[in-house]
N, C-alpha and C. Protein backbone atom coordinates (compact mmCIF):
# COMPACT_ATOMS: atom_id res chain seq x y z
N MET A 1 -13.92 17.31 -26.69
CA MET A 1 -12.65 17.82 -26.18
C MET A 1 -11.82 16.63 -25.75
N ASN A 2 -10.57 16.60 -26.11
CA ASN A 2 -9.73 15.49 -25.69
C ASN A 2 -8.76 15.94 -24.61
N ARG A 3 -7.99 15.02 -24.16
CA ARG A 3 -7.07 15.27 -23.05
C ARG A 3 -6.06 16.36 -23.35
N ASN A 4 -5.71 16.55 -24.60
CA ASN A 4 -4.69 17.53 -24.96
C ASN A 4 -5.21 18.95 -25.11
N GLN A 5 -6.54 19.13 -25.07
CA GLN A 5 -7.07 20.48 -25.19
C GLN A 5 -6.85 21.25 -23.90
N VAL A 6 -6.81 22.57 -24.03
CA VAL A 6 -6.55 23.43 -22.89
C VAL A 6 -7.81 23.55 -22.03
N LEU A 7 -7.67 23.22 -20.77
CA LEU A 7 -8.74 23.35 -19.79
C LEU A 7 -8.20 24.21 -18.65
N PRO A 8 -9.12 24.83 -17.90
CA PRO A 8 -8.62 25.48 -16.69
C PRO A 8 -7.98 24.40 -15.82
N GLN A 9 -6.71 24.57 -15.49
CA GLN A 9 -6.02 23.55 -14.70
C GLN A 9 -5.56 24.16 -13.39
N VAL A 10 -5.88 23.45 -12.32
CA VAL A 10 -5.53 23.91 -10.99
C VAL A 10 -4.39 23.04 -10.48
N GLU A 11 -3.35 23.70 -9.98
CA GLU A 11 -2.22 22.98 -9.40
C GLU A 11 -2.58 22.66 -7.95
N LEU A 12 -2.58 21.37 -7.63
CA LEU A 12 -2.90 20.94 -6.27
C LEU A 12 -1.70 21.18 -5.36
N SER A 13 -1.99 21.65 -4.17
CA SER A 13 -0.95 21.82 -3.15
C SER A 13 -0.58 20.46 -2.60
N SER A 14 0.64 20.30 -2.15
CA SER A 14 1.04 19.04 -1.53
C SER A 14 0.76 19.06 -0.02
N ASP A 15 0.14 20.12 0.46
CA ASP A 15 -0.23 20.23 1.87
C ASP A 15 -1.37 19.25 2.16
N PRO A 16 -1.20 18.36 3.14
CA PRO A 16 -2.25 17.38 3.44
C PRO A 16 -3.61 18.00 3.72
N ASP A 17 -3.65 19.14 4.42
CA ASP A 17 -4.93 19.77 4.73
C ASP A 17 -5.65 20.25 3.46
N ALA A 18 -4.89 20.76 2.49
CA ALA A 18 -5.49 21.24 1.24
C ALA A 18 -6.07 20.08 0.43
N LEU A 19 -5.47 18.91 0.53
CA LEU A 19 -5.93 17.76 -0.24
C LEU A 19 -7.15 17.07 0.37
N ARG A 20 -7.54 17.48 1.55
CA ARG A 20 -8.70 16.86 2.20
C ARG A 20 -10.03 17.45 1.72
N ASN A 21 -9.95 18.51 0.91
CA ASN A 21 -11.19 19.17 0.49
C ASN A 21 -11.02 19.74 -0.92
N VAL A 22 -11.12 18.86 -1.93
CA VAL A 22 -10.92 19.27 -3.32
C VAL A 22 -12.24 19.09 -4.08
N ASP A 23 -12.62 20.10 -4.84
CA ASP A 23 -13.87 20.06 -5.63
C ASP A 23 -13.62 19.33 -6.94
N LEU A 24 -13.81 18.01 -6.94
CA LEU A 24 -13.60 17.23 -8.16
C LEU A 24 -14.82 17.27 -9.08
N CYS A 25 -15.88 17.96 -8.67
CA CYS A 25 -17.06 18.12 -9.54
C CYS A 25 -16.93 19.37 -10.42
N ALA A 26 -15.96 20.20 -10.15
CA ALA A 26 -15.77 21.44 -10.92
C ALA A 26 -15.35 21.11 -12.35
N HIS A 27 -15.64 22.03 -13.27
CA HIS A 27 -15.29 21.86 -14.68
C HIS A 27 -13.88 22.36 -14.93
N GLN A 28 -12.94 21.70 -14.28
CA GLN A 28 -11.53 22.04 -14.44
C GLN A 28 -10.70 20.80 -14.20
N ALA A 29 -9.50 20.86 -14.63
CA ALA A 29 -8.58 19.74 -14.45
C ALA A 29 -7.64 20.07 -13.29
N TYR A 30 -7.18 19.03 -12.62
CA TYR A 30 -6.25 19.19 -11.52
C TYR A 30 -4.97 18.44 -11.83
N LYS A 31 -3.88 18.96 -11.30
CA LYS A 31 -2.60 18.29 -11.43
C LYS A 31 -1.80 18.61 -10.17
N GLY A 32 -1.09 17.61 -9.67
CA GLY A 32 -0.29 17.85 -8.48
C GLY A 32 0.67 16.71 -8.24
N GLN A 33 1.65 17.00 -7.40
CA GLN A 33 2.62 15.99 -7.01
C GLN A 33 3.23 16.40 -5.69
N GLY A 34 3.84 15.42 -5.04
CA GLY A 34 4.47 15.71 -3.76
C GLY A 34 4.98 14.44 -3.12
N PHE A 35 5.31 14.56 -1.84
CA PHE A 35 5.82 13.44 -1.06
C PHE A 35 5.13 13.45 0.28
N PHE A 36 4.64 12.28 0.71
CA PHE A 36 4.07 12.13 2.05
C PHE A 36 4.93 11.17 2.83
N SER A 37 5.35 11.60 4.02
CA SER A 37 6.07 10.69 4.91
C SER A 37 5.03 9.76 5.54
N ILE A 38 5.49 8.69 6.11
CA ILE A 38 4.59 7.73 6.75
C ILE A 38 3.81 8.40 7.88
N GLN A 39 4.43 9.32 8.60
CA GLN A 39 3.75 10.00 9.71
C GLN A 39 2.55 10.82 9.25
N GLU A 40 2.55 11.29 8.01
CA GLU A 40 1.44 12.10 7.50
C GLU A 40 0.24 11.24 7.06
N LEU A 41 0.42 9.92 7.07
CA LEU A 41 -0.63 8.99 6.67
C LEU A 41 -0.92 8.07 7.86
N PRO A 42 -1.81 8.47 8.77
CA PRO A 42 -1.98 7.76 10.04
C PRO A 42 -2.39 6.29 9.91
N ARG A 43 -3.26 5.95 8.97
CA ARG A 43 -3.65 4.55 8.81
C ARG A 43 -2.48 3.71 8.32
N LEU A 44 -1.64 4.29 7.49
CA LEU A 44 -0.46 3.59 6.99
C LEU A 44 0.58 3.44 8.11
N ALA A 45 0.70 4.46 8.94
CA ALA A 45 1.65 4.41 10.07
C ALA A 45 1.31 3.27 11.02
N GLU A 46 0.03 2.94 11.16
CA GLU A 46 -0.37 1.82 12.02
C GLU A 46 0.13 0.48 11.47
N GLU A 47 0.28 0.39 10.17
CA GLU A 47 0.73 -0.86 9.53
C GLU A 47 2.25 -1.01 9.56
N ALA A 48 2.97 0.10 9.68
CA ALA A 48 4.43 0.07 9.59
C ALA A 48 5.05 -0.58 10.82
N SER A 49 6.08 -1.40 10.59
CA SER A 49 6.81 -2.02 11.71
C SER A 49 7.86 -1.06 12.27
N ALA A 50 8.35 -0.17 11.42
CA ALA A 50 9.31 0.86 11.82
C ALA A 50 9.09 2.05 10.91
N ILE A 51 9.29 3.23 11.44
CA ILE A 51 9.13 4.43 10.63
C ILE A 51 10.47 5.14 10.55
N ARG A 52 10.98 5.23 9.35
CA ARG A 52 12.27 5.89 9.11
C ARG A 52 12.00 7.19 8.37
N ALA A 53 12.90 8.14 8.54
CA ALA A 53 12.72 9.47 7.94
C ALA A 53 12.59 9.40 6.42
N GLU A 54 13.31 8.49 5.78
CA GLU A 54 13.28 8.41 4.32
C GLU A 54 12.09 7.62 3.78
N ASP A 55 11.33 6.97 4.66
CA ASP A 55 10.16 6.20 4.22
C ASP A 55 9.01 7.13 3.89
N GLY A 56 8.26 6.75 2.88
CA GLY A 56 7.11 7.53 2.48
C GLY A 56 6.82 7.29 1.01
N PHE A 57 5.96 8.13 0.43
CA PHE A 57 5.52 7.91 -0.93
C PHE A 57 5.47 9.21 -1.73
N HIS A 58 6.08 9.14 -2.91
CA HIS A 58 5.94 10.21 -3.90
C HIS A 58 4.63 9.94 -4.62
N TRP A 59 3.88 10.99 -4.87
CA TRP A 59 2.61 10.83 -5.56
C TRP A 59 2.49 11.86 -6.67
N GLU A 60 1.80 11.46 -7.72
CA GLU A 60 1.43 12.36 -8.81
C GLU A 60 -0.02 12.11 -9.11
N LEU A 61 -0.77 13.18 -9.33
CA LEU A 61 -2.19 13.06 -9.61
C LEU A 61 -2.55 13.99 -10.75
N GLU A 62 -3.42 13.52 -11.62
CA GLU A 62 -3.91 14.34 -12.72
C GLU A 62 -5.35 13.95 -13.01
N THR A 63 -6.21 14.96 -13.19
CA THR A 63 -7.57 14.69 -13.65
C THR A 63 -7.71 15.30 -15.04
N TYR A 64 -8.58 14.70 -15.85
CA TYR A 64 -8.79 15.21 -17.21
C TYR A 64 -10.13 14.73 -17.74
N PHE A 65 -10.60 15.43 -18.76
CA PHE A 65 -11.84 15.08 -19.45
C PHE A 65 -11.47 14.50 -20.81
N GLU A 66 -12.10 13.39 -21.18
CA GLU A 66 -11.88 12.86 -22.53
C GLU A 66 -12.84 13.48 -23.52
N GLN A 67 -13.97 14.00 -22.99
CA GLN A 67 -14.93 14.71 -23.83
C GLN A 67 -15.01 16.13 -23.31
N SER A 68 -16.12 16.79 -23.52
CA SER A 68 -16.28 18.17 -23.05
C SER A 68 -16.36 18.22 -21.53
N PRO A 69 -15.80 19.27 -20.94
CA PRO A 69 -15.93 19.42 -19.48
C PRO A 69 -17.40 19.43 -19.09
N GLY A 70 -17.71 18.76 -18.01
CA GLY A 70 -19.08 18.68 -17.55
C GLY A 70 -19.79 17.42 -18.01
N GLN A 71 -19.24 16.76 -19.01
CA GLN A 71 -19.83 15.50 -19.46
C GLN A 71 -19.13 14.36 -18.75
N ALA A 72 -19.95 13.54 -18.10
CA ALA A 72 -19.38 12.42 -17.36
C ALA A 72 -18.97 11.33 -18.33
N PRO A 73 -18.01 10.54 -18.02
CA PRO A 73 -17.13 10.71 -16.86
C PRO A 73 -15.91 11.53 -17.21
N HIS A 74 -15.25 11.99 -16.17
CA HIS A 74 -13.90 12.47 -16.37
C HIS A 74 -13.01 11.54 -15.55
N PHE A 75 -11.72 11.66 -15.68
CA PHE A 75 -10.82 10.65 -15.16
C PHE A 75 -9.76 11.23 -14.24
N MET A 76 -9.26 10.36 -13.37
CA MET A 76 -8.16 10.74 -12.48
C MET A 76 -7.13 9.61 -12.53
N GLU A 77 -5.88 9.99 -12.67
CA GLU A 77 -4.78 9.04 -12.61
C GLU A 77 -3.90 9.37 -11.41
N ILE A 78 -3.56 8.33 -10.67
CA ILE A 78 -2.68 8.49 -9.51
C ILE A 78 -1.49 7.56 -9.72
N ALA A 79 -0.29 8.11 -9.56
CA ALA A 79 0.95 7.31 -9.62
C ALA A 79 1.62 7.41 -8.24
N LEU A 80 2.02 6.27 -7.70
CA LEU A 80 2.64 6.20 -6.38
C LEU A 80 3.95 5.44 -6.46
N GLN A 81 4.92 5.92 -5.70
CA GLN A 81 6.20 5.23 -5.62
C GLN A 81 6.77 5.50 -4.24
N GLY A 82 7.15 4.43 -3.53
CA GLY A 82 7.70 4.66 -2.21
C GLY A 82 8.06 3.40 -1.47
N ARG A 83 8.26 3.57 -0.15
CA ARG A 83 8.73 2.48 0.69
C ARG A 83 8.09 2.57 2.07
N ILE A 84 7.80 1.37 2.61
CA ILE A 84 7.31 1.24 3.98
C ILE A 84 7.98 0.01 4.58
N HIS A 85 8.21 0.03 5.88
CA HIS A 85 8.78 -1.13 6.57
C HIS A 85 7.64 -1.92 7.21
N LEU A 86 7.63 -3.24 6.93
CA LEU A 86 6.65 -4.15 7.48
C LEU A 86 7.38 -5.34 8.09
N ILE A 87 6.65 -6.21 8.77
CA ILE A 87 7.23 -7.42 9.35
C ILE A 87 7.22 -8.53 8.31
N CYS A 88 8.39 -9.08 8.03
CA CYS A 88 8.51 -10.22 7.11
C CYS A 88 7.81 -11.43 7.74
N GLN A 89 6.96 -12.07 6.99
CA GLN A 89 6.21 -13.21 7.51
C GLN A 89 7.00 -14.51 7.50
N ARG A 90 8.21 -14.49 6.96
CA ARG A 90 9.09 -15.67 7.02
C ARG A 90 9.94 -15.65 8.28
N CYS A 91 10.64 -14.52 8.48
CA CYS A 91 11.61 -14.46 9.58
C CYS A 91 11.16 -13.58 10.75
N LEU A 92 10.04 -12.90 10.59
CA LEU A 92 9.48 -12.01 11.61
C LEU A 92 10.40 -10.85 11.97
N GLN A 93 11.23 -10.44 11.01
CA GLN A 93 12.12 -9.29 11.17
C GLN A 93 11.60 -8.14 10.31
N ASP A 94 12.13 -6.95 10.59
CA ASP A 94 11.77 -5.76 9.82
C ASP A 94 12.16 -5.94 8.36
N CYS A 95 11.28 -5.49 7.46
CA CYS A 95 11.51 -5.70 6.02
C CYS A 95 11.06 -4.47 5.24
N PRO A 96 11.96 -3.80 4.51
CA PRO A 96 11.52 -2.66 3.69
C PRO A 96 10.80 -3.17 2.44
N ILE A 97 9.62 -2.63 2.19
CA ILE A 97 8.82 -3.00 1.02
C ILE A 97 8.75 -1.76 0.12
N GLU A 98 9.24 -1.91 -1.10
CA GLU A 98 9.18 -0.81 -2.07
C GLU A 98 8.24 -1.21 -3.19
N PHE A 99 7.44 -0.25 -3.64
CA PHE A 99 6.58 -0.55 -4.77
C PHE A 99 6.21 0.71 -5.54
N THR A 100 5.79 0.48 -6.77
CA THR A 100 5.32 1.52 -7.66
C THR A 100 3.94 1.10 -8.13
N GLU A 101 3.01 2.02 -8.11
CA GLU A 101 1.63 1.70 -8.46
C GLU A 101 1.03 2.82 -9.29
N LYS A 102 0.22 2.47 -10.26
CA LYS A 102 -0.52 3.45 -11.06
C LYS A 102 -1.98 3.02 -11.07
N ARG A 103 -2.88 3.97 -10.84
CA ARG A 103 -4.32 3.70 -10.86
C ARG A 103 -5.04 4.74 -11.70
N ARG A 104 -6.10 4.29 -12.35
CA ARG A 104 -6.93 5.19 -13.14
C ARG A 104 -8.38 5.03 -12.69
N PHE A 105 -9.05 6.15 -12.44
CA PHE A 105 -10.42 6.15 -11.95
C PHE A 105 -11.32 6.94 -12.91
N ALA A 106 -12.53 6.44 -13.09
CA ALA A 106 -13.58 7.22 -13.76
C ALA A 106 -14.31 7.95 -12.65
N LEU A 107 -14.30 9.28 -12.69
CA LEU A 107 -14.91 10.08 -11.64
C LEU A 107 -16.38 10.31 -11.95
N LEU A 108 -17.25 9.86 -11.06
CA LEU A 108 -18.69 9.91 -11.27
C LEU A 108 -19.37 10.64 -10.13
N GLY A 109 -20.58 11.14 -10.39
CA GLY A 109 -21.28 11.99 -9.43
C GLY A 109 -22.16 11.28 -8.43
N SER A 110 -22.49 10.01 -8.64
CA SER A 110 -23.38 9.32 -7.70
C SER A 110 -23.07 7.82 -7.67
N GLU A 111 -23.60 7.18 -6.63
CA GLU A 111 -23.45 5.72 -6.48
C GLU A 111 -24.16 4.99 -7.62
N ASP A 112 -25.32 5.52 -8.06
CA ASP A 112 -26.06 4.90 -9.16
C ASP A 112 -25.23 4.91 -10.45
N GLU A 113 -24.56 6.04 -10.73
CA GLU A 113 -23.70 6.13 -11.91
C GLU A 113 -22.53 5.13 -11.80
N ALA A 114 -21.99 5.02 -10.60
CA ALA A 114 -20.87 4.10 -10.39
C ALA A 114 -21.31 2.65 -10.58
N ASP A 115 -22.51 2.31 -10.08
CA ASP A 115 -23.02 0.95 -10.25
C ASP A 115 -23.28 0.61 -11.70
N ALA A 116 -23.73 1.61 -12.47
CA ALA A 116 -24.07 1.38 -13.88
C ALA A 116 -22.87 1.52 -14.80
N TYR A 117 -21.75 2.01 -14.29
CA TYR A 117 -20.58 2.26 -15.14
C TYR A 117 -19.97 0.94 -15.60
N PRO A 118 -19.79 0.77 -16.91
CA PRO A 118 -19.20 -0.49 -17.40
C PRO A 118 -17.69 -0.54 -17.09
N ILE A 119 -17.29 -1.61 -16.49
CA ILE A 119 -15.87 -1.77 -16.18
C ILE A 119 -15.26 -2.63 -17.28
N ALA A 120 -14.46 -2.00 -18.11
CA ALA A 120 -13.85 -2.69 -19.25
C ALA A 120 -12.66 -3.54 -18.83
N ASP A 121 -11.93 -3.07 -17.85
CA ASP A 121 -10.76 -3.81 -17.39
C ASP A 121 -10.47 -3.49 -15.94
N ASP A 122 -9.51 -4.18 -15.36
CA ASP A 122 -9.16 -3.95 -13.96
C ASP A 122 -8.33 -2.69 -13.75
N GLU A 123 -7.91 -2.06 -14.83
CA GLU A 123 -7.05 -0.88 -14.74
C GLU A 123 -7.83 0.39 -14.42
N GLN A 124 -9.14 0.34 -14.51
CA GLN A 124 -9.96 1.55 -14.32
C GLN A 124 -11.13 1.22 -13.40
N GLU A 125 -11.29 2.02 -12.36
CA GLU A 125 -12.37 1.81 -11.40
C GLU A 125 -13.25 3.04 -11.33
N PRO A 126 -14.56 2.84 -11.13
CA PRO A 126 -15.42 4.01 -10.91
C PRO A 126 -15.20 4.54 -9.49
N LEU A 127 -15.24 5.85 -9.35
CA LEU A 127 -15.04 6.49 -8.06
C LEU A 127 -16.03 7.64 -7.94
N VAL A 128 -16.84 7.61 -6.90
CA VAL A 128 -17.83 8.66 -6.67
C VAL A 128 -17.13 9.85 -6.01
N VAL A 129 -17.28 11.03 -6.62
CA VAL A 129 -16.62 12.23 -6.12
C VAL A 129 -17.65 13.26 -5.68
N SER A 130 -17.17 14.28 -5.01
CA SER A 130 -18.05 15.35 -4.53
C SER A 130 -17.31 16.68 -4.61
N GLN A 131 -17.99 17.72 -4.17
CA GLN A 131 -17.37 19.05 -4.16
C GLN A 131 -16.38 19.20 -3.01
N HIS A 132 -16.42 18.26 -2.07
CA HIS A 132 -15.52 18.29 -0.91
C HIS A 132 -14.82 16.94 -0.80
N PHE A 133 -14.14 16.55 -1.87
CA PHE A 133 -13.55 15.21 -1.96
C PHE A 133 -12.21 15.17 -1.23
N ASP A 134 -11.96 14.07 -0.51
CA ASP A 134 -10.72 13.88 0.25
C ASP A 134 -9.71 13.11 -0.61
N VAL A 135 -8.88 13.86 -1.34
CA VAL A 135 -7.87 13.25 -2.21
C VAL A 135 -6.81 12.54 -1.38
N LEU A 136 -6.45 13.10 -0.23
CA LEU A 136 -5.45 12.49 0.64
C LEU A 136 -5.89 11.10 1.08
N ALA A 137 -7.15 10.94 1.46
CA ALA A 137 -7.66 9.63 1.88
C ALA A 137 -7.61 8.64 0.72
N THR A 138 -7.88 9.11 -0.50
CA THR A 138 -7.83 8.23 -1.67
C THR A 138 -6.39 7.77 -1.93
N ILE A 139 -5.44 8.67 -1.81
CA ILE A 139 -4.02 8.31 -1.98
C ILE A 139 -3.63 7.28 -0.92
N GLU A 140 -4.02 7.51 0.33
CA GLU A 140 -3.69 6.57 1.40
C GLU A 140 -4.38 5.23 1.17
N ASP A 141 -5.63 5.24 0.71
CA ASP A 141 -6.34 3.99 0.39
C ASP A 141 -5.58 3.18 -0.65
N GLU A 142 -5.11 3.85 -1.68
CA GLU A 142 -4.41 3.14 -2.76
C GLU A 142 -3.09 2.56 -2.29
N ILE A 143 -2.41 3.25 -1.39
CA ILE A 143 -1.16 2.70 -0.83
C ILE A 143 -1.49 1.47 0.01
N LEU A 144 -2.51 1.57 0.86
CA LEU A 144 -2.90 0.44 1.70
C LEU A 144 -3.31 -0.77 0.87
N LEU A 145 -4.02 -0.53 -0.23
CA LEU A 145 -4.43 -1.62 -1.11
C LEU A 145 -3.25 -2.24 -1.85
N SER A 146 -2.15 -1.50 -1.98
CA SER A 146 -0.98 -1.99 -2.70
C SER A 146 0.00 -2.76 -1.82
N ILE A 147 -0.17 -2.68 -0.52
CA ILE A 147 0.71 -3.40 0.40
C ILE A 147 0.48 -4.90 0.20
N PRO A 148 1.56 -5.68 0.10
CA PRO A 148 1.38 -7.12 -0.06
C PRO A 148 0.66 -7.74 1.14
N LEU A 149 -0.20 -8.72 0.88
CA LEU A 149 -0.91 -9.39 1.96
C LEU A 149 0.06 -10.14 2.87
N ILE A 150 1.10 -10.71 2.27
CA ILE A 150 2.10 -11.43 3.04
C ILE A 150 3.47 -10.81 2.72
N PRO A 151 3.84 -9.77 3.47
CA PRO A 151 5.15 -9.15 3.20
C PRO A 151 6.28 -10.10 3.56
N LYS A 152 7.31 -10.12 2.72
CA LYS A 152 8.47 -10.96 3.00
C LYS A 152 9.68 -10.44 2.25
N HIS A 153 10.85 -10.78 2.80
CA HIS A 153 12.11 -10.45 2.13
C HIS A 153 12.19 -11.24 0.83
N ALA A 154 13.09 -10.81 -0.04
CA ALA A 154 13.36 -11.59 -1.25
C ALA A 154 13.92 -12.94 -0.83
N ASP A 155 13.76 -13.94 -1.67
CA ASP A 155 14.24 -15.29 -1.36
C ASP A 155 15.72 -15.25 -0.96
N GLY A 156 16.04 -15.86 0.15
CA GLY A 156 17.41 -15.93 0.63
C GLY A 156 17.87 -14.72 1.41
N ALA A 157 17.03 -13.71 1.57
CA ALA A 157 17.46 -12.49 2.26
C ALA A 157 17.06 -12.45 3.73
N CYS A 158 16.29 -13.42 4.19
CA CYS A 158 15.89 -13.43 5.60
C CYS A 158 17.09 -13.73 6.49
N LYS A 159 17.18 -13.03 7.60
CA LYS A 159 18.26 -13.23 8.55
C LYS A 159 17.79 -14.20 9.63
N ALA A 160 18.68 -15.08 10.06
CA ALA A 160 18.36 -15.97 11.17
C ALA A 160 18.27 -15.14 12.43
N HIS A 161 17.38 -15.52 13.33
CA HIS A 161 17.27 -14.79 14.58
C HIS A 161 17.26 -15.76 15.75
N ALA A 162 17.69 -15.26 16.91
CA ALA A 162 17.76 -16.10 18.11
C ALA A 162 16.35 -16.46 18.57
N LEU A 163 16.23 -17.63 19.18
CA LEU A 163 14.95 -18.03 19.73
C LEU A 163 14.59 -17.10 20.87
N SER A 164 13.32 -16.88 21.08
CA SER A 164 12.90 -15.91 22.09
C SER A 164 13.22 -16.38 23.51
N PHE A 165 13.39 -17.71 23.76
CA PHE A 165 13.70 -18.15 25.11
C PHE A 165 15.14 -18.61 25.26
N GLY A 166 15.99 -18.25 24.31
CA GLY A 166 17.42 -18.51 24.40
C GLY A 166 18.15 -17.24 24.07
N ALA A 167 19.41 -17.19 24.37
CA ALA A 167 20.15 -15.98 24.05
C ALA A 167 21.52 -16.34 23.51
N GLY A 168 22.01 -15.51 22.65
CA GLY A 168 23.36 -15.66 22.13
C GLY A 168 23.57 -16.94 21.36
N GLU A 169 24.81 -17.46 21.42
CA GLU A 169 25.19 -18.64 20.65
C GLU A 169 24.51 -19.90 21.17
N SER A 170 24.24 -19.96 22.48
CA SER A 170 23.64 -21.18 23.03
C SER A 170 22.27 -21.44 22.44
N ALA A 171 21.56 -20.41 22.03
CA ALA A 171 20.24 -20.59 21.44
C ALA A 171 20.34 -21.21 20.06
N LEU A 172 21.50 -21.05 19.40
CA LEU A 172 21.65 -21.57 18.06
C LEU A 172 22.29 -22.96 18.03
N GLU A 173 22.79 -23.44 19.20
CA GLU A 173 23.41 -24.75 19.27
C GLU A 173 22.33 -25.82 19.16
N PRO A 174 22.67 -26.95 18.56
CA PRO A 174 21.66 -28.01 18.45
C PRO A 174 21.30 -28.55 19.83
N VAL A 175 20.04 -28.86 20.01
CA VAL A 175 19.55 -29.39 21.27
C VAL A 175 19.86 -30.89 21.29
N GLU A 176 20.30 -31.40 22.46
CA GLU A 176 20.61 -32.81 22.57
C GLU A 176 19.35 -33.63 22.35
N LYS A 177 19.48 -34.66 21.54
CA LYS A 177 18.33 -35.49 21.21
C LYS A 177 18.08 -36.45 22.37
N PRO A 178 16.86 -36.47 22.93
CA PRO A 178 16.59 -37.38 24.03
C PRO A 178 16.62 -38.83 23.54
N GLU A 179 16.96 -39.72 24.47
CA GLU A 179 17.03 -41.13 24.11
C GLU A 179 15.62 -41.67 23.88
N ASN A 180 15.50 -42.49 22.89
CA ASN A 180 14.22 -43.09 22.54
C ASN A 180 13.79 -44.00 23.70
N PRO A 181 12.60 -43.84 24.25
CA PRO A 181 12.16 -44.67 25.38
C PRO A 181 12.05 -46.15 25.01
N PHE A 182 11.81 -46.46 23.77
CA PHE A 182 11.71 -47.86 23.36
C PHE A 182 13.07 -48.54 23.39
N ASN A 183 14.12 -47.75 23.17
CA ASN A 183 15.47 -48.32 23.29
C ASN A 183 15.74 -48.74 24.72
N ILE A 184 15.25 -47.98 25.67
CA ILE A 184 15.42 -48.33 27.08
C ILE A 184 14.71 -49.66 27.36
N LEU A 185 13.49 -49.81 26.87
CA LEU A 185 12.76 -51.07 27.05
C LEU A 185 13.48 -52.24 26.39
N LYS A 186 14.00 -51.97 25.19
CA LYS A 186 14.73 -52.99 24.44
C LYS A 186 15.95 -53.47 25.25
N ASN A 187 16.67 -52.51 25.84
CA ASN A 187 17.83 -52.85 26.66
C ASN A 187 17.43 -53.61 27.92
N MET A 188 16.30 -53.24 28.51
CA MET A 188 15.81 -53.94 29.69
C MET A 188 15.49 -55.40 29.37
N LYS A 189 14.89 -55.62 28.22
CA LYS A 189 14.50 -56.97 27.79
C LYS A 189 15.74 -57.83 27.57
N LYS A 190 16.80 -57.24 26.98
CA LYS A 190 18.04 -57.98 26.73
C LYS A 190 18.70 -58.39 28.04
N ASN A 191 18.62 -57.52 29.04
CA ASN A 191 19.25 -57.80 30.32
C ASN A 191 18.46 -58.79 31.17
N SER A 192 17.25 -59.11 30.81
CA SER A 192 16.46 -60.03 31.61
C SER A 192 16.77 -61.48 31.32
């Protein structure tokens, strides 16, 4: 059976509670899509520097069998697109990070199967599933893994900021350069 054959297909709810308990071992295909705000993803909310109403991630998920249902492996594809605000590591100011990510998983029934599964490329990872699989946690994991290690604005987009122990324009004024102490000694020697 290939991906285009008709299988019992279940439409996944976009309700976070419904996605916490999905039977991915069943002989059926799943399909779903929705939007999660940052507040609905608590581990992601901890990483955010600011949470805005429009921030969050659109997700699409589909599972399918490349062979007959019940024959391992079957596959899951997750597509993510969205935005989160993080601290720019150049200027230490708030920075919106937008990204799009696609992942493909081979769904397997045990850790032994996952260990033995041949990984042909980095585009496909083995994933151990169960009858009570937390799809929401997997979506949140993939978003967390997609966050840049060093978030930063695009080149030239960082804003200058005032020093923490100065305020206003005076903090941006150049500091008077102290006189070189050796020049003082030099002048003393000349005067002797």
